[in-house]
């Protein structure tokens, strides 16, 4: 095996849920939910305005759990909106009254393929896109494609629309490693079960390859490298932060009691969206909230059709997944339910 683990502050250097400013040296925060933790963190940092928006998000989150699915998109969206506002305040970005997103329907058939969302040039979603390095120039997406690109409901999507290819490949033991003989360093992870094949490597595209030096596991590695020089750890960490941010363009994470990481495949011609789960979920919930407010009968038809389970799954899990990601981006910490050691 031609690599070794990189140590940082006495711990293996790892991939992190936060993209913006991950704290690679901190331990995982074990907490039932992050509401009180983030509130205390904002208080200590003296972000009073962000704390106001975070409290608003909490109130809308609590209300969402009490409402039926036909009404819950409205409060769930305002939960997300206020959580993003809290993040933007922490990142010292001036807030706007615009939401940065719009939506509508095409055709007469009630289908998630006929519901669409537009990423506007200014507003809260636009600022979130800018923060994450994404474009916001009137891009238009169908609700079907947005749901297709969310890892935490991907199984429900594949079972609802089985003809579309699977987008996410599960990985285990993700690592940042260094050559035994040089400073060149890279990301690698293990593929298991039916995914441990050259077919999976082909799905990942030209940016990844199998590490054939490992004989006791099927290891995939990223071809792109960065330099980790033990004698220059400060600069090495800066180089890794850049590498890590670009790596997040292909990595996805599901918040749970386990560390569930996935690589997003490349080369899909129909429906692939290269955006973070944060901006995709925000836009998706906005469209559903529009339907809940302005076209409740149309929303009811969606729930009565073949996508009832898919939409119900999204409404059930998206707010918590979204808030976990926002919490990590805001603080640079990782959060998991109690029961984990680190």
C-alpha atoms as a PDB file:
ATOM      1  CA  UNK A   1       0.000   0.000   0.000  1.00  0.00           C
ATOM      2  CA  UNK A   2       1.578   3.241  -1.180  1.00  0.00           C
ATOM      3  CA  UNK A   3       0.074   5.764   1.245  1.00  0.00           C
ATOM      4  CA  UNK A   4      -0.193   6.673   4.907  1.00  0.00           C
ATOM      5  CA  UNK A   5      -2.709   8.562   7.039  1.00  0.00           C
ATOM      6  CA  UNK A   6      -2.114  12.286   7.607  1.00  0.00           C
ATOM      7  CA  UNK A   7      -2.164  13.398  11.239  1.00  0.00           C
ATOM      8  CA  UNK A   8      -3.430  16.841  12.298  1.00  0.00           C
ATOM      9  CA  UNK A   9      -3.496  17.835  15.979  1.00  0.00           C
ATOM     10  CA  UNK A  10      -2.973  14.218  16.960  1.00  0.00           C
ATOM     11  CA  UNK A  11      -5.928  12.956  14.919  1.00  0.00           C
ATOM     12  CA  UNK A  12      -6.295  11.668  11.344  1.00  0.00           C
ATOM     13  CA  UNK A  13      -7.034  14.508   8.915  1.00  0.00           C
ATOM     14  CA  UNK A  14     -10.579  13.917   7.717  1.00  0.00           C
ATOM     15  CA  UNK A  15     -13.255  15.047   5.337  1.00  0.00           C
ATOM     16  CA  UNK A  16     -15.701  17.384   7.030  1.00  0.00           C
ATOM     17  CA  UNK A  17     -19.392  18.116   6.597  1.00  0.00           C
ATOM     18  CA  UNK A  18     -18.772  21.873   6.436  1.00  0.00           C
ATOM     19  CA  UNK A  19     -17.612  23.287   3.139  1.00  0.00           C
ATOM     20  CA  UNK A  20     -17.051  26.944   4.021  1.00  0.00           C
ATOM     21  CA  UNK A  21     -14.802  26.955   7.091  1.00  0.00           C
ATOM     22  CA  UNK A  22     -14.440  23.445   8.540  1.00  0.00           C
ATOM     23  CA  UNK A  23     -12.668  23.077  11.863  1.00  0.00           C
ATOM     24  CA  UNK A  24     -10.610  19.963  11.124  1.00  0.00           C
ATOM     25  CA  UNK A  25      -9.177  19.810  14.632  1.00  0.00           C
ATOM     26  CA  UNK A  26     -12.442  19.818  16.601  1.00  0.00           C
ATOM     27  CA  UNK A  27     -14.275  16.806  17.960  1.00  0.00           C
ATOM     28  CA  UNK A  28     -17.763  15.917  16.754  1.00  0.00           C
ATOM     29  CA  UNK A  29     -20.495  17.622  18.804  1.00  0.00           C
ATOM     30  CA  UNK A  30     -22.818  14.960  20.196  1.00  0.00           C
ATOM     31  CA  UNK A  31     -26.243  16.498  20.659  1.00  0.00           C
ATOM     32  CA  UNK A  32     -29.876  15.417  20.331  1.00  0.00           C
ATOM     33  CA  UNK A  33     -30.585  18.456  18.179  1.00  0.00           C
ATOM     34  CA  UNK A  34     -28.591  21.572  17.438  1.00  0.00           C
ATOM     35  CA  UNK A  35     -31.134  24.271  18.318  1.00  0.00           C
ATOM     36  CA  UNK A  36     -29.886  25.040  21.804  1.00  0.00           C
ATOM     37  CA  UNK A  37     -26.239  24.487  20.891  1.00  0.00           C
ATOM     38  CA  UNK A  38     -26.364  26.972  18.003  1.00  0.00           C
ATOM     39  CA  UNK A  39     -28.330  29.461  20.104  1.00  0.00           C
ATOM     40  CA  UNK A  40     -25.604  29.340  22.784  1.00  0.00           C
ATOM     41  CA  UNK A  41     -22.875  29.554  20.143  1.00  0.00           C
ATOM     42  CA  UNK A  42     -24.495  32.638  18.586  1.00  0.00           C
ATOM     43  CA  UNK A  43     -24.923  34.199  22.026  1.00  0.00           C
ATOM     44  CA  UNK A  44     -21.250  33.688  22.888  1.00  0.00           C
ATOM     45  CA  UNK A  45     -20.211  35.108  19.521  1.00  0.00           C
ATOM     46  CA  UNK A  46     -22.553  38.087  20.057  1.00  0.00           C
ATOM     47  CA  UNK A  47     -24.522  37.471  16.851  1.00  0.00           C
ATOM     48  CA  UNK A  48     -27.779  38.836  18.262  1.00  0.00           C
ATOM     49  CA  UNK A  49     -29.435  39.361  14.873  1.00  0.00           C
ATOM     50  CA  UNK A  50     -28.496  35.887  13.671  1.00  0.00           C
ATOM     51  CA  UNK A  51     -29.825  34.520  16.948  1.00  0.00           C
ATOM     52  CA  UNK A  52     -33.194  36.176  16.214  1.00  0.00           C
ATOM     53  CA  UNK A  53     -33.421  34.454  12.818  1.00  0.00           C
ATOM     54  CA  UNK A  54     -32.308  31.141  14.331  1.00  0.00           C
ATOM     55  CA  UNK A  55     -35.108  31.382  16.911  1.00  0.00           C
ATOM     56  CA  UNK A  56     -37.583  32.127  14.110  1.00  0.00           C
ATOM     57  CA  UNK A  57     -36.345  29.045  12.253  1.00  0.00           C
ATOM     58  CA  UNK A  58     -36.839  26.979  15.417  1.00  0.00           C
ATOM     59  CA  UNK A  59     -40.417  28.201  15.837  1.00  0.00           C
ATOM     60  CA  UNK A  60     -41.282  27.362  12.223  1.00  0.00           C
ATOM     61  CA  UNK A  61     -39.613  23.961  12.598  1.00  0.00           C
ATOM     62  CA  UNK A  62     -41.751  23.164  15.643  1.00  0.00           C
ATOM     63  CA  UNK A  63     -44.893  24.270  13.806  1.00  0.00           C
ATOM     64  CA  UNK A  64     -44.010  22.104  10.793  1.00  0.00           C
ATOM     65  CA  UNK A  65     -44.085  18.938  12.874  1.00  0.00           C
ATOM     66  CA  UNK A  66     -47.680  19.653  13.941  1.00  0.00           C
ATOM     67  CA  UNK A  67     -49.105  20.329  10.485  1.00  0.00           C
ATOM     68  CA  UNK A  68     -50.412  17.893   7.851  1.00  0.00           C
ATOM     69  CA  UNK A  69     -48.249  17.428   4.770  1.00  0.00           C
ATOM     70  CA  UNK A  70     -50.536  19.628   2.662  1.00  0.00           C
ATOM     71  CA  UNK A  71     -49.761  22.612   4.919  1.00  0.00           C
ATOM     72  CA  UNK A  72     -46.287  21.847   6.270  1.00  0.00           C
ATOM     73  CA  UNK A  73     -44.283  23.032   3.211  1.00  0.00           C
ATOM     74  CA  UNK A  74     -45.084  26.652   4.084  1.00  0.00           C
ATOM     75  CA  UNK A  75     -43.671  26.578   7.615  1.00  0.00           C
ATOM     76  CA  UNK A  76     -40.828  24.247   6.568  1.00  0.00           C
ATOM     77  CA  UNK A  77     -39.762  26.741   3.925  1.00  0.00           C
ATOM     78  CA  UNK A  78     -39.806  29.660   6.375  1.00  0.00           C
ATOM     79  CA  UNK A  79     -37.767  27.534   8.759  1.00  0.00           C
ATOM     80  CA  UNK A  80     -35.147  27.100   6.023  1.00  0.00           C
ATOM     81  CA  UNK A  81     -35.342  30.758   4.995  1.00  0.00           C
ATOM     82  CA  UNK A  82     -34.642  32.024   8.505  1.00  0.00           C
ATOM     83  CA  UNK A  83     -31.876  29.476   9.070  1.00  0.00           C
ATOM     84  CA  UNK A  84     -30.141  30.695   5.911  1.00  0.00           C
ATOM     85  CA  UNK A  85     -30.567  34.303   7.047  1.00  0.00           C
ATOM     86  CA  UNK A  86     -28.847  33.395  10.322  1.00  0.00           C
ATOM     87  CA  UNK A  87     -25.959  31.863   8.350  1.00  0.00           C
ATOM     88  CA  UNK A  88     -25.672  34.915   6.095  1.00  0.00           C
ATOM     89  CA  UNK A  89     -25.562  37.263   9.095  1.00  0.00           C
ATOM     90  CA  UNK A  90     -22.776  35.191  10.670  1.00  0.00           C
ATOM     91  CA  UNK A  91     -20.863  35.349   7.377  1.00  0.00           C
ATOM     92  CA  UNK A  92     -21.408  39.141   7.343  1.00  0.00           C
ATOM     93  CA  UNK A  93     -23.505  39.199   4.177  1.00  0.00           C
ATOM     94  CA  UNK A  94     -26.098  41.965   3.897  1.00  0.00           C
ATOM     95  CA  UNK A  95     -29.629  40.595   3.883  1.00  0.00           C
ATOM     96  CA  UNK A  96     -32.230  41.315   1.233  1.00  0.00           C
ATOM     97  CA  UNK A  97     -36.024  41.133   1.293  1.00  0.00           C
ATOM     98  CA  UNK A  98     -35.993  39.017  -1.877  1.00  0.00           C
ATOM     99  CA  UNK A  99     -36.073  35.240  -1.626  1.00  0.00           C
ATOM    100  CA  UNK A 100     -33.922  34.673  -4.708  1.00  0.00           C
ATOM    101  CA  UNK A 101     -36.152  31.956  -6.150  1.00  0.00           C
ATOM    102  CA  UNK A 102     -39.427  31.660  -8.039  1.00  0.00           C
ATOM    103  CA  UNK A 103     -41.479  28.822  -9.449  1.00  0.00           C
ATOM    104  CA  UNK A 104     -44.388  27.813 -11.603  1.00  0.00           C
ATOM    105  CA  UNK A 105     -46.089  25.052 -13.566  1.00  0.00           C
ATOM    106  CA  UNK A 106     -46.179  24.153 -17.237  1.00  0.00           C
ATOM    107  CA  UNK A 107     -48.835  22.139 -19.054  1.00  0.00           C
ATOM    108  CA  UNK A 108     -52.088  20.840 -17.672  1.00  0.00           C
ATOM    109  CA  UNK A 109     -50.880  17.486 -16.347  1.00  0.00           C
ATOM    110  CA  UNK A 110     -50.234  17.340 -12.601  1.00  0.00           C
ATOM    111  CA  UNK A 111     -46.663  16.029 -12.473  1.00  0.00           C
ATOM    112  CA  UNK A 112     -43.477  16.924 -10.597  1.00  0.00           C
ATOM    113  CA  UNK A 113     -41.831  17.112 -14.023  1.00  0.00           C
ATOM    114  CA  UNK A 114     -44.135  20.032 -14.836  1.00  0.00           C
ATOM    115  CA  UNK A 115     -43.329  21.976 -11.664  1.00  0.00           C
ATOM    116  CA  UNK A 116     -40.282  24.182 -12.015  1.00  0.00           C
ATOM    117  CA  UNK A 117     -38.023  26.480 -10.004  1.00  0.00           C
ATOM    118  CA  UNK A 118     -35.858  29.404 -11.161  1.00  0.00           C
ATOM    119  CA  UNK A 119     -32.696  30.504  -9.325  1.00  0.00           C
ATOM    120  CA  UNK A 120     -32.879  34.313  -9.426  1.00  0.00           C
ATOM    121  CA  UNK A 121     -30.020  36.804  -9.677  1.00  0.00           C
ATOM    122  CA  UNK A 122     -30.603  38.364  -6.248  1.00  0.00           C
ATOM    123  CA  UNK A 123     -32.099  37.347  -2.936  1.00  0.00           C
ATOM    124  CA  UNK A 124     -31.475  34.979  -0.035  1.00  0.00           C
ATOM    125  CA  UNK A 125     -30.985  31.886  -2.200  1.00  0.00           C
ATOM    126  CA  UNK A 126     -28.715  33.858  -4.537  1.00  0.00           C
ATOM    127  CA  UNK A 127     -26.556  34.899  -1.570  1.00  0.00           C
ATOM    128  CA  UNK A 128     -26.403  31.302  -0.358  1.00  0.00           C
ATOM    129  CA  UNK A 129     -25.337  30.192  -3.847  1.00  0.00           C
ATOM    130  CA  UNK A 130     -22.646  32.871  -3.928  1.00  0.00           C
ATOM    131  CA  UNK A 131     -21.399  31.789  -0.500  1.00  0.00           C
ATOM    132  CA  UNK A 132     -21.104  28.178  -1.687  1.00  0.00           C
ATOM    133  CA  UNK A 133     -19.535  29.103  -5.015  1.00  0.00           C
ATOM    134  CA  UNK A 134     -22.574  28.222  -7.124  1.00  0.00           C
ATOM    135  CA  UNK A 135     -24.143  30.145 -10.010  1.00  0.00           C
ATOM    136  CA  UNK A 136     -27.444  32.034  -9.779  1.00  0.00           C
ATOM    137  CA  UNK A 137     -28.318  33.311 -13.208  1.00  0.00           C
ATOM    138  CA  UNK A 138     -31.957  32.405 -13.908  1.00  0.00           C
ATOM    139  CA  UNK A 139     -31.208  28.665 -14.053  1.00  0.00           C
ATOM    140  CA  UNK A 140     -34.431  26.667 -14.331  1.00  0.00           C
ATOM    141  CA  UNK A 141     -34.960  23.173 -12.931  1.00  0.00           C
ATOM    142  CA  UNK A 142     -37.918  20.829 -12.712  1.00  0.00           C
ATOM    143  CA  UNK A 143     -39.095  19.667  -9.312  1.00  0.00           C
ATOM    144  CA  UNK A 144     -38.416  16.116 -10.458  1.00  0.00           C
ATOM    145  CA  UNK A 145     -34.738  16.856 -11.144  1.00  0.00           C
ATOM    146  CA  UNK A 146     -34.300  18.730  -7.872  1.00  0.00           C
ATOM    147  CA  UNK A 147     -35.671  15.781  -5.901  1.00  0.00           C
ATOM    148  CA  UNK A 148     -33.533  13.398  -7.974  1.00  0.00           C
ATOM    149  CA  UNK A 149     -30.360  15.145  -6.724  1.00  0.00           C
ATOM    150  CA  UNK A 150     -31.028  14.895  -2.975  1.00  0.00           C
ATOM    151  CA  UNK A 151     -29.084  12.029  -1.452  1.00  0.00           C
ATOM    152  CA  UNK A 152     -31.279  11.573   1.618  1.00  0.00           C
ATOM    153  CA  UNK A 153     -34.402  10.739  -0.419  1.00  0.00           C
ATOM    154  CA  UNK A 154     -32.607   9.079  -3.328  1.00  0.00           C
ATOM    155  CA  UNK A 155     -33.781   5.566  -2.459  1.00  0.00           C
ATOM    156  CA  UNK A 156     -37.381   6.761  -2.375  1.00  0.00           C
ATOM    157  CA  UNK A 157     -36.823   8.520  -5.694  1.00  0.00           C
ATOM    158  CA  UNK A 158     -35.328   5.428  -7.351  1.00  0.00           C
ATOM    159  CA  UNK A 159     -38.224   3.278  -6.182  1.00  0.00           C
ATOM    160  CA  UNK A 160     -40.728   5.864  -7.427  1.00  0.00           C
ATOM    161  CA  UNK A 161     -38.957   6.388 -10.785  1.00  0.00           C
ATOM    162  CA  UNK A 162     -36.948   3.190 -11.343  1.00  0.00           C
ATOM    163  CA  UNK A 163     -35.943   4.008 -14.924  1.00  0.00           C
ATOM    164  CA  UNK A 164     -33.485   6.748 -13.946  1.00  0.00           C
ATOM    165  CA  UNK A 165     -29.890   5.761 -13.061  1.00  0.00           C
ATOM    166  CA  UNK A 166     -28.716   5.823  -9.471  1.00  0.00           C
ATOM    167  CA  UNK A 167     -26.749   9.011  -8.743  1.00  0.00           C
ATOM    168  CA  UNK A 168     -25.076   8.280  -5.399  1.00  0.00           C
ATOM    169  CA  UNK A 169     -22.489   5.607  -4.621  1.00  0.00           C
ATOM    170  CA  UNK A 170     -22.022   4.781  -0.911  1.00  0.00           C
ATOM    171  CA  UNK A 171     -18.480   4.835   0.429  1.00  0.00           C
ATOM    172  CA  UNK A 172     -16.856   3.710   3.668  1.00  0.00           C
ATOM    173  CA  UNK A 173     -13.604   4.659   5.391  1.00  0.00           C
ATOM    174  CA  UNK A 174     -13.121   8.001   3.587  1.00  0.00           C
ATOM    175  CA  UNK A 175      -9.556   9.184   4.174  1.00  0.00           C
ATOM    176  CA  UNK A 176      -7.087  11.914   3.333  1.00  0.00           C
ATOM    177  CA  UNK A 177      -3.765  10.187   2.783  1.00  0.00           C
ATOM    178  CA  UNK A 178      -0.180  11.004   1.783  1.00  0.00           C
ATOM    179  CA  UNK A 179       2.324   9.215  -0.406  1.00  0.00           C
ATOM    180  CA  UNK A 180       4.938   7.164   1.423  1.00  0.00           C
ATOM    181  CA  UNK A 181       7.715   8.820  -0.576  1.00  0.00           C
ATOM    182  CA  UNK A 182       6.526  12.348  -1.528  1.00  0.00           C
ATOM    183  CA  UNK A 183       4.316  15.162  -0.193  1.00  0.00           C
ATOM    184  CA  UNK A 184       1.523  14.410  -2.689  1.00  0.00           C
ATOM    185  CA  UNK A 185      -1.761  13.755  -0.887  1.00  0.00           C
ATOM    186  CA  UNK A 186      -5.281  12.800  -1.921  1.00  0.00           C
ATOM    187  CA  UNK A 187      -8.753  11.589  -1.004  1.00  0.00           C
ATOM    188  CA  UNK A 188      -9.624   7.900  -1.061  1.00  0.00           C
ATOM    189  CA  UNK A 189     -12.457   5.676   0.171  1.00  0.00           C
ATOM    190  CA  UNK A 190     -13.624   2.057   0.063  1.00  0.00           C
ATOM    191  CA  UNK A 191     -16.392   0.692  -2.153  1.00  0.00           C
ATOM    192  CA  UNK A 192     -18.152  -2.405  -0.823  1.00  0.00           C
ATOM    193  CA  UNK A 193     -20.596  -5.060  -2.001  1.00  0.00           C
ATOM    194  CA  UNK A 194     -22.040  -4.619  -5.473  1.00  0.00           C
ATOM    195  CA  UNK A 195     -20.405  -1.184  -5.705  1.00  0.00           C
ATOM    196  CA  UNK A 196     -16.876  -2.627  -5.502  1.00  0.00           C
ATOM    197  CA  UNK A 197     -16.331  -2.821  -9.245  1.00  0.00           C
ATOM    198  CA  UNK A 198     -14.823  -1.059 -12.229  1.00  0.00           C
ATOM    199  CA  UNK A 199     -18.385  -0.289 -13.278  1.00  0.00           C
ATOM    200  CA  UNK A 200     -18.684   2.055 -10.261  1.00  0.00           C
ATOM    201  CA  UNK A 201     -15.356   3.687 -11.144  1.00  0.00           C
ATOM    202  CA  UNK A 202     -16.665   4.318 -14.650  1.00  0.00           C
ATOM    203  CA  UNK A 203     -19.764   6.010 -13.208  1.00  0.00           C
ATOM    204  CA  UNK A 204     -17.569   8.404 -11.234  1.00  0.00           C
ATOM    205  CA  UNK A 205     -15.916   9.668 -14.396  1.00  0.00           C
ATOM    206  CA  UNK A 206     -12.348  10.638 -15.183  1.00  0.00           C
ATOM    207  CA  UNK A 207     -11.705  12.355 -11.824  1.00  0.00           C
ATOM    208  CA  UNK A 208     -11.474   9.044  -9.931  1.00  0.00           C
ATOM    209  CA  UNK A 209      -9.618   5.757 -10.287  1.00  0.00           C
ATOM    210  CA  UNK A 210      -9.080   2.514  -8.433  1.00  0.00           C
ATOM    211  CA  UNK A 211      -6.030   2.302  -6.184  1.00  0.00           C
ATOM    212  CA  UNK A 212      -4.670  -1.059  -7.302  1.00  0.00           C
ATOM    213  CA  UNK A 213      -1.905  -0.945  -4.689  1.00  0.00           C
ATOM    214  CA  UNK A 214      -4.532  -1.917  -2.100  1.00  0.00           C
ATOM    215  CA  UNK A 215      -5.226  -5.646  -2.395  1.00  0.00           C
ATOM    216  CA  UNK A 216      -7.450  -6.344   0.608  1.00  0.00           C
ATOM    217  CA  UNK A 217     -10.214  -3.830  -0.299  1.00  0.00           C
ATOM    218  CA  UNK A 218     -11.646  -2.022  -3.332  1.00  0.00           C
ATOM    219  CA  UNK A 219     -10.350   1.522  -2.876  1.00  0.00           C
ATOM    220  CA  UNK A 220     -11.284   4.456  -5.089  1.00  0.00           C
ATOM    221  CA  UNK A 221      -9.134   7.575  -5.066  1.00  0.00           C
ATOM    222  CA  UNK A 222      -9.367  11.057  -6.492  1.00  0.00           C
ATOM    223  CA  UNK A 223      -6.793  11.798  -9.158  1.00  0.00           C
ATOM    224  CA  UNK A 224      -6.370  15.422  -8.116  1.00  0.00           C
ATOM    225  CA  UNK A 225      -3.617  15.918  -5.529  1.00  0.00           C
ATOM    226  CA  UNK A 226      -2.500  18.538  -3.032  1.00  0.00           C
ATOM    227  CA  UNK A 227       0.741  18.917  -1.087  1.00  0.00           C
ATOM    228  CA  UNK A 228       0.899  18.105   2.622  1.00  0.00           C
ATOM    229  CA  UNK A 229       4.303  19.099   3.968  1.00  0.00           C
ATOM    230  CA  UNK A 230       4.682  18.212   7.676  1.00  0.00           C
ATOM    231  CA  UNK A 231       7.225  21.011   8.152  1.00  0.00           C
ATOM    232  CA  UNK A 232       4.742  23.578   6.777  1.00  0.00           C
ATOM    233  CA  UNK A 233       1.468  22.565   8.387  1.00  0.00           C
ATOM    234  CA  UNK A 234      -0.123  26.025   8.223  1.00  0.00           C
ATOM    235  CA  UNK A 235       0.296  26.288   4.445  1.00  0.00           C
ATOM    236  CA  UNK A 236      -0.543  22.599   4.044  1.00  0.00           C
ATOM    237  CA  UNK A 237      -3.831  23.132   5.853  1.00  0.00           C
ATOM    238  CA  UNK A 238      -4.655  26.085   3.569  1.00  0.00           C
ATOM    239  CA  UNK A 239      -3.940  23.884   0.551  1.00  0.00           C
ATOM    240  CA  UNK A 240      -6.108  21.135   1.981  1.00  0.00           C
ATOM    241  CA  UNK A 241      -8.997  23.532   2.648  1.00  0.00           C
ATOM    242  CA  UNK A 242      -9.039  24.435  -1.054  1.00  0.00           C
ATOM    243  CA  UNK A 243      -8.838  20.762  -2.007  1.00  0.00           C
ATOM    244  CA  UNK A 244     -11.586  19.906   0.482  1.00  0.00           C
ATOM    245  CA  UNK A 245     -13.926  22.596  -0.878  1.00  0.00           C
ATOM    246  CA  UNK A 246     -13.579  21.254  -4.412  1.00  0.00           C
ATOM    247  CA  UNK A 247     -14.016  17.692  -3.169  1.00  0.00           C
ATOM    248  CA  UNK A 248     -17.405  18.692  -1.753  1.00  0.00           C
ATOM    249  CA  UNK A 249     -18.640  19.139  -5.320  1.00  0.00           C
ATOM    250  CA  UNK A 250     -18.737  15.337  -5.519  1.00  0.00           C
ATOM    251  CA  UNK A 251     -19.378  14.361  -1.904  1.00  0.00           C
ATOM    252  CA  UNK A 252     -22.774  14.060  -0.219  1.00  0.00           C
ATOM    253  CA  UNK A 253     -23.643  13.319   3.397  1.00  0.00           C
ATOM    254  CA  UNK A 254     -26.719  12.003   5.217  1.00  0.00           C
ATOM    255  CA  UNK A 255     -27.176  13.115   8.830  1.00  0.00           C
ATOM    256  CA  UNK A 256     -27.769  10.024  10.992  1.00  0.00           C
ATOM    257  CA  UNK A 257     -26.326   8.078  13.908  1.00  0.00           C
ATOM    258  CA  UNK A 258     -23.658   6.759  11.488  1.00  0.00           C
ATOM    259  CA  UNK A 259     -21.268   8.550   9.160  1.00  0.00           C
ATOM    260  CA  UNK A 260     -22.933   8.082   5.788  1.00  0.00           C
ATOM    261  CA  UNK A 261     -20.906   9.501   2.902  1.00  0.00           C
ATOM    262  CA  UNK A 262     -21.600   9.167  -0.819  1.00  0.00           C
ATOM    263  CA  UNK A 263     -19.866  10.041  -4.065  1.00  0.00           C
ATOM    264  CA  UNK A 264     -22.063  11.564  -6.741  1.00  0.00           C
ATOM    265  CA  UNK A 265     -21.629  10.031 -10.151  1.00  0.00           C
ATOM    266  CA  UNK A 266     -20.825  11.935 -13.337  1.00  0.00           C
ATOM    267  CA  UNK A 267     -21.898  11.694 -16.953  1.00  0.00           C
ATOM    268  CA  UNK A 268     -25.665  11.426 -16.446  1.00  0.00           C
ATOM    269  CA  UNK A 269     -27.308  13.177 -19.390  1.00  0.00           C
ATOM    270  CA  UNK A 270     -30.771  13.707 -17.931  1.00  0.00           C
ATOM    271  CA  UNK A 271     -31.426  15.370 -14.591  1.00  0.00           C
ATOM    272  CA  UNK A 272     -27.974  15.745 -13.015  1.00  0.00           C
ATOM    273  CA  UNK A 273     -27.638  19.033 -11.065  1.00  0.00           C
ATOM    274  CA  UNK A 274     -24.222  20.078  -9.775  1.00  0.00           C
ATOM    275  CA  UNK A 275     -25.351  21.962  -6.680  1.00  0.00           C
ATOM    276  CA  UNK A 276     -25.214  21.410  -2.944  1.00  0.00           C
ATOM    277  CA  UNK A 277     -28.055  19.767  -1.067  1.00  0.00           C
ATOM    278  CA  UNK A 278     -28.623  23.096   0.728  1.00  0.00           C
ATOM    279  CA  UNK A 279     -29.531  25.116  -2.363  1.00  0.00           C
ATOM    280  CA  UNK A 280     -31.451  22.225  -3.942  1.00  0.00           C
ATOM    281  CA  UNK A 281     -33.562  21.596  -0.829  1.00  0.00           C
ATOM    282  CA  UNK A 282     -34.211  25.318  -0.339  1.00  0.00           C
ATOM    283  CA  UNK A 283     -35.476  25.688  -3.914  1.00  0.00           C
ATOM    284  CA  UNK A 284     -37.557  22.512  -3.702  1.00  0.00           C
ATOM    285  CA  UNK A 285     -39.260  23.528  -0.481  1.00  0.00           C
ATOM    286  CA  UNK A 286     -39.940  26.998  -1.892  1.00  0.00           C
ATOM    287  CA  UNK A 287     -41.896  25.514  -4.794  1.00  0.00           C
ATOM    288  CA  UNK A 288     -43.883  23.234  -2.514  1.00  0.00           C
ATOM    289  CA  UNK A 289     -44.627  26.178  -0.223  1.00  0.00           C
ATOM    290  CA  UNK A 290     -45.910  28.149  -3.225  1.00  0.00           C
ATOM    291  CA  UNK A 291     -48.246  25.290  -4.079  1.00  0.00           C
ATOM    292  CA  UNK A 292     -49.363  25.027  -0.456  1.00  0.00           C
ATOM    293  CA  UNK A 293     -50.185  28.726  -0.328  1.00  0.00           C
ATOM    294  CA  UNK A 294     -51.497  29.527  -3.807  1.00  0.00           C
ATOM    295  CA  UNK A 295     -52.549  26.175  -5.342  1.00  0.00           C
ATOM    296  CA  UNK A 296     -53.496  23.815  -2.495  1.00  0.00           C
ATOM    297  CA  UNK A 297     -55.744  21.743  -4.749  1.00  0.00           C
ATOM    298  CA  UNK A 298     -52.850  21.136  -7.132  1.00  0.00           C
ATOM    299  CA  UNK A 299     -50.588  20.149  -4.247  1.00  0.00           C
ATOM    300  CA  UNK A 300     -53.262  17.744  -3.018  1.00  0.00           C
ATOM    301  CA  UNK A 301     -53.304  16.132  -6.471  1.00  0.00           C
ATOM    302  CA  UNK A 302     -49.552  15.562  -6.239  1.00  0.00           C
ATOM    303  CA  UNK A 303     -50.055  13.752  -2.945  1.00  0.00           C
ATOM    304  CA  UNK A 304     -52.845  11.660  -4.437  1.00  0.00           C
ATOM    305  CA  UNK A 305     -50.656  10.512  -7.339  1.00  0.00           C
ATOM    306  CA  UNK A 306     -47.645   8.253  -7.811  1.00  0.00           C
ATOM    307  CA  UNK A 307     -45.244  10.682  -6.065  1.00  0.00           C
ATOM    308  CA  UNK A 308     -47.070  10.800  -2.733  1.00  0.00           C
ATOM    309  CA  UNK A 309     -44.430   8.725  -0.933  1.00  0.00           C
ATOM    310  CA  UNK A 310     -41.521  10.634  -2.480  1.00  0.00           C
ATOM    311  CA  UNK A 311     -42.932  14.044  -1.571  1.00  0.00           C
ATOM    312  CA  UNK A 312     -43.884  12.818   1.902  1.00  0.00           C
ATOM    313  CA  UNK A 313     -40.338  11.550   2.473  1.00  0.00           C
ATOM    314  CA  UNK A 314     -38.896  14.873   1.411  1.00  0.00           C
ATOM    315  CA  UNK A 315     -41.146  16.819   3.773  1.00  0.00           C
ATOM    316  CA  UNK A 316     -40.358  14.417   6.625  1.00  0.00           C
ATOM    317  CA  UNK A 317     -36.552  14.419   6.385  1.00  0.00           C
ATOM    318  CA  UNK A 318     -35.443  17.561   4.513  1.00  0.00           C
ATOM    319  CA  UNK A 319     -35.824  20.116   7.353  1.00  0.00           C
ATOM    320  CA  UNK A 320     -33.608  18.167   9.760  1.00  0.00           C
ATOM    321  CA  UNK A 321     -31.014  17.382   7.077  1.00  0.00           C
ATOM    322  CA  UNK A 322     -31.008  21.030   6.011  1.00  0.00           C
ATOM    323  CA  UNK A 323     -30.569  22.352   9.540  1.00  0.00           C
ATOM    324  CA  UNK A 324     -27.739  19.945  10.291  1.00  0.00           C
ATOM    325  CA  UNK A 325     -25.880  21.198   7.211  1.00  0.00           C
ATOM    326  CA  UNK A 326     -26.563  24.859   8.064  1.00  0.00           C
ATOM    327  CA  UNK A 327     -25.330  24.266  11.624  1.00  0.00           C
ATOM    328  CA  UNK A 328     -22.055  22.834  10.321  1.00  0.00           C
ATOM    329  CA  UNK A 329     -21.535  25.646   7.827  1.00  0.00           C
ATOM    330  CA  UNK A 330     -22.258  28.256  10.497  1.00  0.00           C
ATOM    331  CA  UNK A 331     -19.932  26.903  13.188  1.00  0.00           C
ATOM    332  CA  UNK A 332     -17.400  24.763  11.341  1.00  0.00           C
ATOM    333  CA  UNK A 333     -18.348  21.853  13.625  1.00  0.00           C
ATOM    334  CA  UNK A 334     -19.860  18.453  12.898  1.00  0.00           C
ATOM    335  CA  UNK A 335     -22.958  17.226  14.728  1.00  0.00           C
ATOM    336  CA  UNK A 336     -24.212  13.728  15.425  1.00  0.00           C
ATOM    337  CA  UNK A 337     -26.741  12.179  17.812  1.00  0.00           C
ATOM    338  CA  UNK A 338     -25.336  10.963  21.168  1.00  0.00           C
ATOM    339  CA  UNK A 339     -23.732   7.553  21.082  1.00  0.00           C
ATOM    340  CA  UNK A 340     -20.660   8.396  18.996  1.00  0.00           C
ATOM    341  CA  UNK A 341     -17.160   8.636  20.441  1.00  0.00           C
ATOM    342  CA  UNK A 342     -15.890  11.423  18.160  1.00  0.00           C
END
